[in-house]
Protein backbone atom coordinates (compact mmCIF):
# COMPACT_ATOMS: atom_id res chain seq x y z
CA UNK A 1 0.00 0.00 0.00
CA UNK A 2 1.58 3.23 -1.13
CA UNK A 3 0.21 6.45 0.24
CA UNK A 4 1.44 9.95 -0.27
CA UNK A 5 2.24 11.53 3.08
CA UNK A 6 1.53 15.13 2.19
CA UNK A 7 1.05 17.55 5.05
CA UNK A 8 -2.33 16.97 6.64
CA UNK A 9 -3.40 20.50 5.88
CA UNK A 10 -2.99 19.69 2.19
CA UNK A 11 -5.02 16.50 2.36
CA UNK A 12 -8.10 16.88 0.24
CA UNK A 13 -11.39 15.16 0.89
CA UNK A 14 -10.56 12.85 -2.01
CA UNK A 15 -7.28 11.77 -0.42
CA UNK A 16 -9.07 10.96 2.85
CA UNK A 17 -11.65 9.01 0.84
CA UNK A 18 -8.91 7.00 -0.87
CA UNK A 19 -7.14 6.36 2.42
CA UNK A 20 -10.36 5.14 4.02
CA UNK A 21 -10.97 2.87 1.02
CA UNK A 22 -7.46 1.43 1.40
CA UNK A 23 -8.16 0.79 5.09
CA UNK A 24 -11.35 -1.09 4.16
CA UNK A 25 -9.60 -3.18 1.51
CA UNK A 26 -6.64 -4.18 3.68
CA UNK A 27 -7.44 -3.63 7.37
CA UNK A 28 -4.56 -5.88 8.50
CA UNK A 29 -1.93 -3.69 6.88
CA UNK A 30 -0.43 -1.35 9.47
CA UNK A 31 0.66 1.16 6.83
CA UNK A 32 -2.85 2.49 6.24
CA UNK A 33 -3.87 3.12 9.85
CA UNK A 34 -0.37 4.41 10.60
CA UNK A 35 -0.57 6.93 7.75
CA UNK A 36 -4.09 7.90 8.78
CA UNK A 37 -2.98 8.39 12.39
CA UNK A 38 -0.10 10.66 11.42
CA UNK A 39 -2.30 12.69 9.08
CA UNK A 40 -5.05 12.99 11.72
CA UNK A 41 -2.50 14.08 14.35
CA UNK A 42 -1.09 16.74 12.02
CA UNK A 43 -4.65 17.92 11.30
CA UNK A 44 -5.23 18.27 15.08
CA UNK A 45 -7.77 15.40 15.04
CA UNK A 46 -6.18 13.81 18.09
CA UNK A 47 -9.01 11.45 19.06
CA UNK A 48 -8.99 10.06 15.54
CA UNK A 49 -5.19 9.67 15.61
CA UNK A 50 -5.39 7.66 18.84
CA UNK A 51 -8.11 5.47 17.36
CA UNK A 52 -5.99 4.67 14.30
CA UNK A 53 -2.88 4.03 16.38
CA UNK A 54 -4.80 1.62 18.57
CA UNK A 55 -5.58 -0.36 15.41
CA UNK A 56 -1.89 -0.46 14.51
CA UNK A 57 -0.53 -1.63 17.87
CA UNK A 58 -2.00 -5.17 17.86
CA UNK A 59 -0.69 -5.79 14.34
CA UNK A 60 2.95 -5.09 15.22
CA UNK A 61 5.19 -8.01 16.17
CA UNK A 62 6.67 -7.87 19.67
CA UNK A 63 10.16 -7.25 18.29
CA UNK A 64 9.01 -4.65 15.74
CA UNK A 65 11.41 -1.87 14.89
CA UNK A 66 8.48 0.40 14.07
CA UNK A 67 8.76 3.45 16.30
CA UNK A 68 5.37 4.93 15.42
CA UNK A 69 3.16 4.83 17.36
CA UNK A 70 5.27 5.30 20.42
CA UNK A 71 3.53 5.26 23.79
CA UNK A 72 4.66 8.85 24.27
CA UNK A 73 3.08 9.94 20.97
CA UNK A 74 -0.22 8.29 21.87
CA UNK A 75 -0.15 9.89 25.32
CA UNK A 76 0.52 13.26 23.73
CA UNK A 77 -2.42 12.81 21.34
CA UNK A 78 -4.71 11.86 24.25
CA UNK A 79 -3.58 14.90 26.23
CA UNK A 80 -4.08 17.21 23.26
CA UNK A 81 -7.51 15.71 22.57
CA UNK A 82 -8.55 16.32 26.15
CA UNK A 83 -7.24 19.90 26.03
CA UNK A 84 -9.06 20.55 22.74
CA UNK A 85 -12.35 19.15 24.04
CA UNK A 86 -12.22 21.30 27.18
CA UNK A 87 -12.08 24.54 25.19
PDB file of N, CA and C in Angstrom:
ATOM      1  N   UNK A   1       0.857  -1.164   0.000  1.00  0.00           N
ATOM      2  CA  UNK A   1       0.000   0.000   0.000  1.00  0.00           C
ATOM      3  C   UNK A   1       0.904   1.228   0.000  1.00  0.00           C
ATOM      4  N   UNK A   2       0.795   1.996  -1.044  1.00  0.00           N
ATOM      5  CA  UNK A   2       1.583   3.225  -1.126  1.00  0.00           C
ATOM      6  C   UNK A   2       0.661   4.416  -0.948  1.00  0.00           C
ATOM      7  N   UNK A   3       1.010   5.247  -0.023  1.00  0.00           N
ATOM      8  CA  UNK A   3       0.206   6.445   0.245  1.00  0.00           C
ATOM      9  C   UNK A   3       1.111   7.652   0.299  1.00  0.00           C
ATOM     10  N   UNK A   4       0.691   8.696  -0.325  1.00  0.00           N
ATOM     11  CA  UNK A   4       1.443   9.947  -0.267  1.00  0.00           C
ATOM     12  C   UNK A   4       1.246  10.553   1.110  1.00  0.00           C
ATOM     13  N   UNK A   5       2.338  10.920   1.757  1.00  0.00           N
ATOM     14  CA  UNK A   5       2.237  11.526   3.079  1.00  0.00           C
ATOM     15  C   UNK A   5       2.432  13.037   2.976  1.00  0.00           C
ATOM     16  N   UNK A   6       1.526  13.670   2.277  1.00  0.00           N
ATOM     17  CA  UNK A   6       1.528  15.132   2.194  1.00  0.00           C
ATOM     18  C   UNK A   6       1.154  15.681   3.555  1.00  0.00           C
ATOM     19  N   UNK A   7       1.453  16.922   3.783  1.00  0.00           N
ATOM     20  CA  UNK A   7       1.052  17.547   5.046  1.00  0.00           C
ATOM     21  C   UNK A   7      -0.451  17.441   5.196  1.00  0.00           C
ATOM     22  N   UNK A   8      -0.901  17.184   6.396  1.00  0.00           N
ATOM     23  CA  UNK A   8      -2.329  16.970   6.641  1.00  0.00           C
ATOM     24  C   UNK A   8      -3.170  18.149   6.195  1.00  0.00           C
ATOM     25  N   UNK A   9      -2.628  19.334   6.298  1.00  0.00           N
ATOM     26  CA  UNK A   9      -3.402  20.502   5.882  1.00  0.00           C
ATOM     27  C   UNK A   9      -3.646  20.501   4.379  1.00  0.00           C
ATOM     28  N   UNK A  10      -2.837  19.768   3.631  1.00  0.00           N
ATOM     29  CA  UNK A  10      -2.991  19.686   2.191  1.00  0.00           C
ATOM     30  C   UNK A  10      -3.819  18.479   1.761  1.00  0.00           C
ATOM     31  N   UNK A  11      -4.248  17.687   2.701  1.00  0.00           N
ATOM     32  CA  UNK A  11      -5.022  16.496   2.363  1.00  0.00           C
ATOM     33  C   UNK A  11      -6.410  16.937   1.936  1.00  0.00           C
ATOM     34  N   UNK A  12      -6.776  16.556   0.744  1.00  0.00           N
ATOM     35  CA  UNK A  12      -8.100  16.877   0.236  1.00  0.00           C
ATOM     36  C   UNK A  12      -9.093  15.824   0.704  1.00  0.00           C
ATOM     37  N   UNK A  13     -10.350  16.127   0.551  1.00  0.00           N
ATOM     38  CA  UNK A  13     -11.393  15.157   0.894  1.00  0.00           C
ATOM     39  C   UNK A  13     -11.213  13.890   0.072  1.00  0.00           C
ATOM     40  N   UNK A  14     -10.760  14.027  -1.165  1.00  0.00           N
ATOM     41  CA  UNK A  14     -10.562  12.850  -2.014  1.00  0.00           C
ATOM     42  C   UNK A  14      -9.438  11.959  -1.484  1.00  0.00           C
ATOM     43  N   UNK A  15      -8.374  12.567  -0.984  1.00  0.00           N
ATOM     44  CA  UNK A  15      -7.277  11.767  -0.416  1.00  0.00           C
ATOM     45  C   UNK A  15      -7.756  10.995   0.809  1.00  0.00           C
ATOM     46  N   UNK A  16      -8.543  11.660   1.671  1.00  0.00           N
ATOM     47  CA  UNK A  16      -9.072  10.963   2.850  1.00  0.00           C
ATOM     48  C   UNK A  16      -9.972   9.814   2.408  1.00  0.00           C
ATOM     49  N   UNK A  17     -10.762  10.046   1.360  1.00  0.00           N
ATOM     50  CA  UNK A  17     -11.650   9.008   0.841  1.00  0.00           C
ATOM     51  C   UNK A  17     -10.835   7.814   0.350  1.00  0.00           C
ATOM     52  N   UNK A  18      -9.766   8.085  -0.374  1.00  0.00           N
ATOM     53  CA  UNK A  18      -8.911   7.005  -0.873  1.00  0.00           C
ATOM     54  C   UNK A  18      -8.225   6.261   0.268  1.00  0.00           C
ATOM     55  N   UNK A  19      -7.773   6.987   1.274  1.00  0.00           N
ATOM     56  CA  UNK A  19      -7.141   6.356   2.422  1.00  0.00           C
ATOM     57  C   UNK A  19      -8.136   5.461   3.150  1.00  0.00           C
ATOM     58  N   UNK A  20      -9.344   5.956   3.362  1.00  0.00           N
ATOM     59  CA  UNK A  20     -10.360   5.136   4.024  1.00  0.00           C
ATOM     60  C   UNK A  20     -10.700   3.892   3.211  1.00  0.00           C
ATOM     61  N   UNK A  21     -10.713   4.016   1.885  1.00  0.00           N
ATOM     62  CA  UNK A  21     -10.969   2.866   1.024  1.00  0.00           C
ATOM     63  C   UNK A  21      -9.846   1.839   1.171  1.00  0.00           C
ATOM     64  N   UNK A  22      -8.606   2.321   1.203  1.00  0.00           N
ATOM     65  CA  UNK A  22      -7.462   1.426   1.400  1.00  0.00           C
ATOM     66  C   UNK A  22      -7.567   0.699   2.737  1.00  0.00           C
ATOM     67  N   UNK A  23      -8.000   1.409   3.765  1.00  0.00           N
ATOM     68  CA  UNK A  23      -8.165   0.791   5.086  1.00  0.00           C
ATOM     69  C   UNK A  23      -9.232  -0.301   5.047  1.00  0.00           C
ATOM     70  N   UNK A  24     -10.297  -0.083   4.289  1.00  0.00           N
ATOM     71  CA  UNK A  24     -11.352  -1.089   4.160  1.00  0.00           C
ATOM     72  C   UNK A  24     -10.859  -2.305   3.394  1.00  0.00           C
ATOM     73  N   UNK A  25     -10.064  -2.087   2.359  1.00  0.00           N
ATOM     74  CA  UNK A  25      -9.603  -3.184   1.513  1.00  0.00           C
ATOM     75  C   UNK A  25      -8.550  -4.051   2.196  1.00  0.00           C
ATOM     76  N   UNK A  26      -7.719  -3.436   3.023  1.00  0.00           N
ATOM     77  CA  UNK A  26      -6.644  -4.185   3.680  1.00  0.00           C
ATOM     78  C   UNK A  26      -6.498  -3.739   5.127  1.00  0.00           C
ATOM     79  N   UNK A  27      -7.465  -4.101   5.984  1.00  0.00           N
ATOM     80  CA  UNK A  27      -7.440  -3.630   7.372  1.00  0.00           C
ATOM     81  C   UNK A  27      -6.292  -4.199   8.200  1.00  0.00           C
ATOM     82  N   UNK A  28      -5.660  -5.275   7.744  1.00  0.00           N
ATOM     83  CA  UNK A  28      -4.562  -5.883   8.504  1.00  0.00           C
ATOM     84  C   UNK A  28      -3.221  -5.214   8.225  1.00  0.00           C
ATOM     85  N   UNK A  29      -3.171  -4.362   7.238  1.00  0.00           N
ATOM     86  CA  UNK A  29      -1.934  -3.689   6.877  1.00  0.00           C
ATOM     87  C   UNK A  29      -1.749  -2.471   7.776  1.00  0.00           C
ATOM     88  N   UNK A  30      -0.658  -2.439   8.510  1.00  0.00           N
ATOM     89  CA  UNK A  30      -0.425  -1.353   9.467  1.00  0.00           C
ATOM     90  C   UNK A  30      -0.089  -0.031   8.796  1.00  0.00           C
ATOM     91  N   UNK A  31       0.287  -0.070   7.524  1.00  0.00           N
ATOM     92  CA  UNK A  31       0.662   1.160   6.835  1.00  0.00           C
ATOM     93  C   UNK A  31      -0.506   2.127   6.735  1.00  0.00           C
ATOM     94  N   UNK A  32      -1.680   1.625   6.404  1.00  0.00           N
ATOM     95  CA  UNK A  32      -2.850   2.486   6.244  1.00  0.00           C
ATOM     96  C   UNK A  32      -3.245   3.196   7.509  1.00  0.00           C
ATOM     97  N   UNK A  33      -3.517   2.438   8.601  1.00  0.00           N
ATOM     98  CA  UNK A  33      -3.866   3.117   9.851  1.00  0.00           C
ATOM     99  C   UNK A  33      -2.738   4.001  10.378  1.00  0.00           C
ATOM    100  N   UNK A  34      -1.495   3.594  10.159  1.00  0.00           N
ATOM    101  CA  UNK A  34      -0.366   4.415  10.602  1.00  0.00           C
ATOM    102  C   UNK A  34      -0.333   5.741   9.871  1.00  0.00           C
ATOM    103  N   UNK A  35      -0.540   5.694   8.557  1.00  0.00           N
ATOM    104  CA  UNK A  35      -0.572   6.925   7.754  1.00  0.00           C
ATOM    105  C   UNK A  35      -1.754   7.787   8.158  1.00  0.00           C
ATOM    106  N   UNK A  36      -2.893   7.155   8.378  1.00  0.00           N
ATOM    107  CA  UNK A  36      -4.091   7.897   8.779  1.00  0.00           C
ATOM    108  C   UNK A  36      -3.887   8.548  10.143  1.00  0.00           C
ATOM    109  N   UNK A  37      -3.233   7.842  11.059  1.00  0.00           N
ATOM    110  CA  UNK A  37      -2.978   8.390  12.392  1.00  0.00           C
ATOM    111  C   UNK A  37      -2.083   9.613  12.316  1.00  0.00           C
ATOM    112  N   UNK A  38      -1.003   9.516  11.541  1.00  0.00           N
ATOM    113  CA  UNK A  38      -0.097  10.656  11.419  1.00  0.00           C
ATOM    114  C   UNK A  38      -0.800  11.852  10.781  1.00  0.00           C
ATOM    115  N   UNK A  39      -1.580  11.590   9.738  1.00  0.00           N
ATOM    116  CA  UNK A  39      -2.302  12.690   9.078  1.00  0.00           C
ATOM    117  C   UNK A  39      -3.331  13.310  10.019  1.00  0.00           C
ATOM    118  N   UNK A  40      -4.051  12.470  10.777  1.00  0.00           N
ATOM    119  CA  UNK A  40      -5.045  12.986  11.724  1.00  0.00           C
ATOM    120  C   UNK A  40      -4.370  13.814  12.811  1.00  0.00           C
ATOM    121  N   UNK A  41      -3.230  13.340  13.312  1.00  0.00           N
ATOM    122  CA  UNK A  41      -2.502  14.075  14.348  1.00  0.00           C
ATOM    123  C   UNK A  41      -2.085  15.447  13.819  1.00  0.00           C
ATOM    124  N   UNK A  42      -1.539  15.478  12.600  1.00  0.00           N
ATOM    125  CA  UNK A  42      -1.091  16.738  12.017  1.00  0.00           C
ATOM    126  C   UNK A  42      -2.262  17.685  11.737  1.00  0.00           C
ATOM    127  N   UNK A  43      -3.451  17.104  11.533  1.00  0.00           N
ATOM    128  CA  UNK A  43      -4.651  17.921  11.303  1.00  0.00           C
ATOM    129  C   UNK A  43      -5.344  18.284  12.610  1.00  0.00           C
ATOM    130  N   UNK A  44      -4.705  17.977  13.740  1.00  0.00           N
ATOM    131  CA  UNK A  44      -5.234  18.268  15.078  1.00  0.00           C
ATOM    132  C   UNK A  44      -6.506  17.483  15.374  1.00  0.00           C
ATOM    133  N   UNK A  45      -6.653  16.318  14.769  1.00  0.00           N
ATOM    134  CA  UNK A  45      -7.769  15.403  15.043  1.00  0.00           C
ATOM    135  C   UNK A  45      -7.218  14.298  15.950  1.00  0.00           C
ATOM    136  N   UNK A  46      -6.930  14.678  17.181  1.00  0.00           N
ATOM    137  CA  UNK A  46      -6.180  13.813  18.086  1.00  0.00           C
ATOM    138  C   UNK A  46      -6.933  12.543  18.476  1.00  0.00           C
ATOM    139  N   UNK A  47      -8.235  12.649  18.726  1.00  0.00           N
ATOM    140  CA  UNK A  47      -9.009  11.447  19.056  1.00  0.00           C
ATOM    141  C   UNK A  47      -8.939  10.434  17.927  1.00  0.00           C
ATOM    142  N   UNK A  48      -9.042  10.932  16.710  1.00  0.00           N
ATOM    143  CA  UNK A  48      -8.987  10.061  15.545  1.00  0.00           C
ATOM    144  C   UNK A  48      -7.594   9.435  15.407  1.00  0.00           C
ATOM    145  N   UNK A  49      -6.560  10.195  15.675  1.00  0.00           N
ATOM    146  CA  UNK A  49      -5.193   9.672  15.612  1.00  0.00           C
ATOM    147  C   UNK A  49      -5.014   8.528  16.602  1.00  0.00           C
ATOM    148  N   UNK A  50      -5.487   8.712  17.825  1.00  0.00           N
ATOM    149  CA  UNK A  50      -5.385   7.658  18.842  1.00  0.00           C
ATOM    150  C   UNK A  50      -6.138   6.412  18.383  1.00  0.00           C
ATOM    151  N   UNK A  51      -7.305   6.601  17.832  1.00  0.00           N
ATOM    152  CA  UNK A  51      -8.114   5.475  17.358  1.00  0.00           C
ATOM    153  C   UNK A  51      -7.355   4.680  16.293  1.00  0.00           C
ATOM    154  N   UNK A  52      -6.765   5.363  15.340  1.00  0.00           N
ATOM    155  CA  UNK A  52      -5.995   4.669  14.299  1.00  0.00           C
ATOM    156  C   UNK A  52      -4.779   3.969  14.889  1.00  0.00           C
ATOM    157  N   UNK A  53      -4.057   4.651  15.787  1.00  0.00           N
ATOM    158  CA  UNK A  53      -2.876   4.027  16.378  1.00  0.00           C
ATOM    159  C   UNK A  53      -3.242   2.789  17.179  1.00  0.00           C
ATOM    160  N   UNK A  54      -4.388   2.803  17.815  1.00  0.00           N
ATOM    161  CA  UNK A  54      -4.804   1.623  18.568  1.00  0.00           C
ATOM    162  C   UNK A  54      -5.080   0.439  17.643  1.00  0.00           C
ATOM    163  N   UNK A  55      -5.410   0.722  16.389  1.00  0.00           N
ATOM    164  CA  UNK A  55      -5.577  -0.356  15.408  1.00  0.00           C
ATOM    165  C   UNK A  55      -4.230  -0.903  14.963  1.00  0.00           C
ATOM    166  N   UNK A  56      -3.217  -0.056  14.962  1.00  0.00           N
ATOM    167  CA  UNK A  56      -1.889  -0.465  14.511  1.00  0.00           C
ATOM    168  C   UNK A  56      -1.192  -1.333  15.556  1.00  0.00           C
ATOM    169  N   UNK A  57      -1.283  -0.952  16.812  1.00  0.00           N
ATOM    170  CA  UNK A  57      -0.531  -1.627  17.868  1.00  0.00           C
ATOM    171  C   UNK A  57      -0.670  -3.149  17.873  1.00  0.00           C
ATOM    172  N   UNK A  58      -1.884  -3.703  17.808  1.00  0.00           N
ATOM    173  CA  UNK A  58      -2.002  -5.165  17.863  1.00  0.00           C
ATOM    174  C   UNK A  58      -1.426  -5.882  16.643  1.00  0.00           C
ATOM    175  N   UNK A  59      -1.205  -5.151  15.546  1.00  0.00           N
ATOM    176  CA  UNK A  59      -0.694  -5.786  14.336  1.00  0.00           C
ATOM    177  C   UNK A  59       0.831  -5.851  14.308  1.00  0.00           C
ATOM    178  N   UNK A  60       1.488  -5.128  15.218  1.00  0.00           N
ATOM    179  CA  UNK A  60       2.950  -5.089  15.220  1.00  0.00           C
ATOM    180  C   UNK A  60       3.520  -6.266  15.997  1.00  0.00           C
ATOM    181  N   UNK A  61       4.538  -6.937  15.425  1.00  0.00           N
ATOM    182  CA  UNK A  61       5.188  -8.009  16.170  1.00  0.00           C
ATOM    183  C   UNK A  61       5.882  -7.453  17.414  1.00  0.00           C
ATOM    184  N   UNK A  62       6.075  -8.304  18.402  1.00  0.00           N
ATOM    185  CA  UNK A  62       6.668  -7.874  19.670  1.00  0.00           C
ATOM    186  C   UNK A  62       8.053  -7.254  19.466  1.00  0.00           C
ATOM    187  N   UNK A  63       8.805  -7.744  18.505  1.00  0.00           N
ATOM    188  CA  UNK A  63      10.165  -7.245  18.289  1.00  0.00           C
ATOM    189  C   UNK A  63      10.218  -6.227  17.144  1.00  0.00           C
ATOM    190  N   UNK A  64       9.108  -5.595  16.855  1.00  0.00           N
ATOM    191  CA  UNK A  64       9.013  -4.651  15.741  1.00  0.00           C
ATOM    192  C   UNK A  64       9.943  -3.465  15.944  1.00  0.00           C
ATOM    193  N   UNK A  65      10.553  -3.053  14.849  1.00  0.00           N
ATOM    194  CA  UNK A  65      11.408  -1.872  14.887  1.00  0.00           C
ATOM    195  C   UNK A  65      10.618  -0.602  14.594  1.00  0.00           C
ATOM    196  N   UNK A  66       9.333  -0.755  14.352  1.00  0.00           N
ATOM    197  CA  UNK A  66       8.485   0.397  14.066  1.00  0.00           C
ATOM    198  C   UNK A  66       8.411   1.274  15.312  1.00  0.00           C
ATOM    199  N   UNK A  67       8.743   2.521  15.153  1.00  0.00           N
ATOM    200  CA  UNK A  67       8.761   3.449  16.299  1.00  0.00           C
ATOM    201  C   UNK A  67       7.465   4.238  16.423  1.00  0.00           C
ATOM    202  N   UNK A  68       6.622   4.180  15.405  1.00  0.00           N
ATOM    203  CA  UNK A  68       5.367   4.928  15.425  1.00  0.00           C
ATOM    204  C   UNK A  68       4.239   3.926  15.386  1.00  0.00           C
ATOM    205  N   UNK A  69       3.393   3.845  16.319  1.00  0.00           N
ATOM    206  CA  UNK A  69       3.163   4.831  17.359  1.00  0.00           C
ATOM    207  C   UNK A  69       3.960   4.517  18.621  1.00  0.00           C
ATOM    208  N   UNK A  70       4.598   5.485  19.145  1.00  0.00           N
ATOM    209  CA  UNK A  70       5.268   5.301  20.423  1.00  0.00           C
ATOM    210  C   UNK A  70       4.251   5.582  21.517  1.00  0.00           C
ATOM    211  N   UNK A  71       4.436   4.971  22.669  1.00  0.00           N
ATOM    212  CA  UNK A  71       3.527   5.256  23.791  1.00  0.00           C
ATOM    213  C   UNK A  71       3.480   6.743  24.131  1.00  0.00           C
ATOM    214  N   UNK A  72       4.615   7.424  23.975  1.00  0.00           N
ATOM    215  CA  UNK A  72       4.661   8.854  24.270  1.00  0.00           C
ATOM    216  C   UNK A  72       3.805   9.643  23.273  1.00  0.00           C
ATOM    217  N   UNK A  73       3.857   9.245  22.012  1.00  0.00           N
ATOM    218  CA  UNK A  73       3.081   9.939  20.969  1.00  0.00           C
ATOM    219  C   UNK A  73       1.586   9.757  21.213  1.00  0.00           C
ATOM    220  N   UNK A  74       1.190   8.556  21.585  1.00  0.00           N
ATOM    221  CA  UNK A  74      -0.221   8.285  21.872  1.00  0.00           C
ATOM    222  C   UNK A  74      -0.666   9.078  23.096  1.00  0.00           C
ATOM    223  N   UNK A  75       0.172   9.110  24.118  1.00  0.00           N
ATOM    224  CA  UNK A  75      -0.154   9.889  25.319  1.00  0.00           C
ATOM    225  C   UNK A  75      -0.292  11.370  24.984  1.00  0.00           C
ATOM    226  N   UNK A  76       0.595  11.858  24.136  1.00  0.00           N
ATOM    227  CA  UNK A  76       0.517  13.264  23.727  1.00  0.00           C
ATOM    228  C   UNK A  76      -0.791  13.539  22.985  1.00  0.00           C
ATOM    229  N   UNK A  77      -1.170  12.643  22.093  1.00  0.00           N
ATOM    230  CA  UNK A  77      -2.422  12.812  21.345  1.00  0.00           C
ATOM    231  C   UNK A  77      -3.619  12.801  22.294  1.00  0.00           C
ATOM    232  N   UNK A  78      -3.606  11.903  23.277  1.00  0.00           N
ATOM    233  CA  UNK A  78      -4.707  11.858  24.255  1.00  0.00           C
ATOM    234  C   UNK A  78      -4.780  13.155  25.053  1.00  0.00           C
ATOM    235  N   UNK A  79      -3.623  13.650  25.461  1.00  0.00           N
ATOM    236  CA  UNK A  79      -3.583  14.903  26.232  1.00  0.00           C
ATOM    237  C   UNK A  79      -4.087  16.070  25.397  1.00  0.00           C
ATOM    238  N   UNK A  80      -3.639  16.128  24.143  1.00  0.00           N
ATOM    239  CA  UNK A  80      -4.084  17.213  23.261  1.00  0.00           C
ATOM    240  C   UNK A  80      -5.575  17.110  22.953  1.00  0.00           C
ATOM    241  N   UNK A  81      -6.072  15.903  22.822  1.00  0.00           N
ATOM    242  CA  UNK A  81      -7.508  15.710  22.572  1.00  0.00           C
ATOM    243  C   UNK A  81      -8.328  16.210  23.754  1.00  0.00           C
ATOM    244  N   UNK A  82      -7.848  15.878  24.950  1.00  0.00           N
ATOM    245  CA  UNK A  82      -8.550  16.321  26.152  1.00  0.00           C
ATOM    246  C   UNK A  82      -8.513  17.840  26.277  1.00  0.00           C
ATOM    247  N   UNK A  83      -7.377  18.437  25.982  1.00  0.00           N
ATOM    248  CA  UNK A  83      -7.237  19.896  26.031  1.00  0.00           C
ATOM    249  C   UNK A  83      -8.161  20.545  25.018  1.00  0.00           C
ATOM    250  N   UNK A  84      -8.217  19.988  23.798  1.00  0.00           N
ATOM    251  CA  UNK A  84      -9.057  20.551  22.744  1.00  0.00           C
ATOM    252  C   UNK A  84     -10.541  20.442  23.088  1.00  0.00           C
ATOM    253  N   UNK A  85     -10.931  19.336  23.716  1.00  0.00           N
ATOM    254  CA  UNK A  85     -12.350  19.152  24.043  1.00  0.00           C
ATOM    255  C   UNK A  85     -12.804  20.005  25.216  1.00  0.00           C
ATOM    256  N   UNK A  86     -11.849  20.467  26.031  1.00  0.00           N
ATOM    257  CA  UNK A  86     -12.217  21.296  27.181  1.00  0.00           C
ATOM    258  C   UNK A  86     -12.319  22.773  26.841  1.00  0.00           C
ATOM    259  N   UNK A  87     -12.007  23.120  25.601  1.00  0.00           N
ATOM    260  CA  UNK A  87     -12.080  24.539  25.195  1.00  0.00           C
ATOM    261  C   UNK A  87     -13.465  24.916  24.789  1.00  0.00           C
TER     262      UNK A  87
END
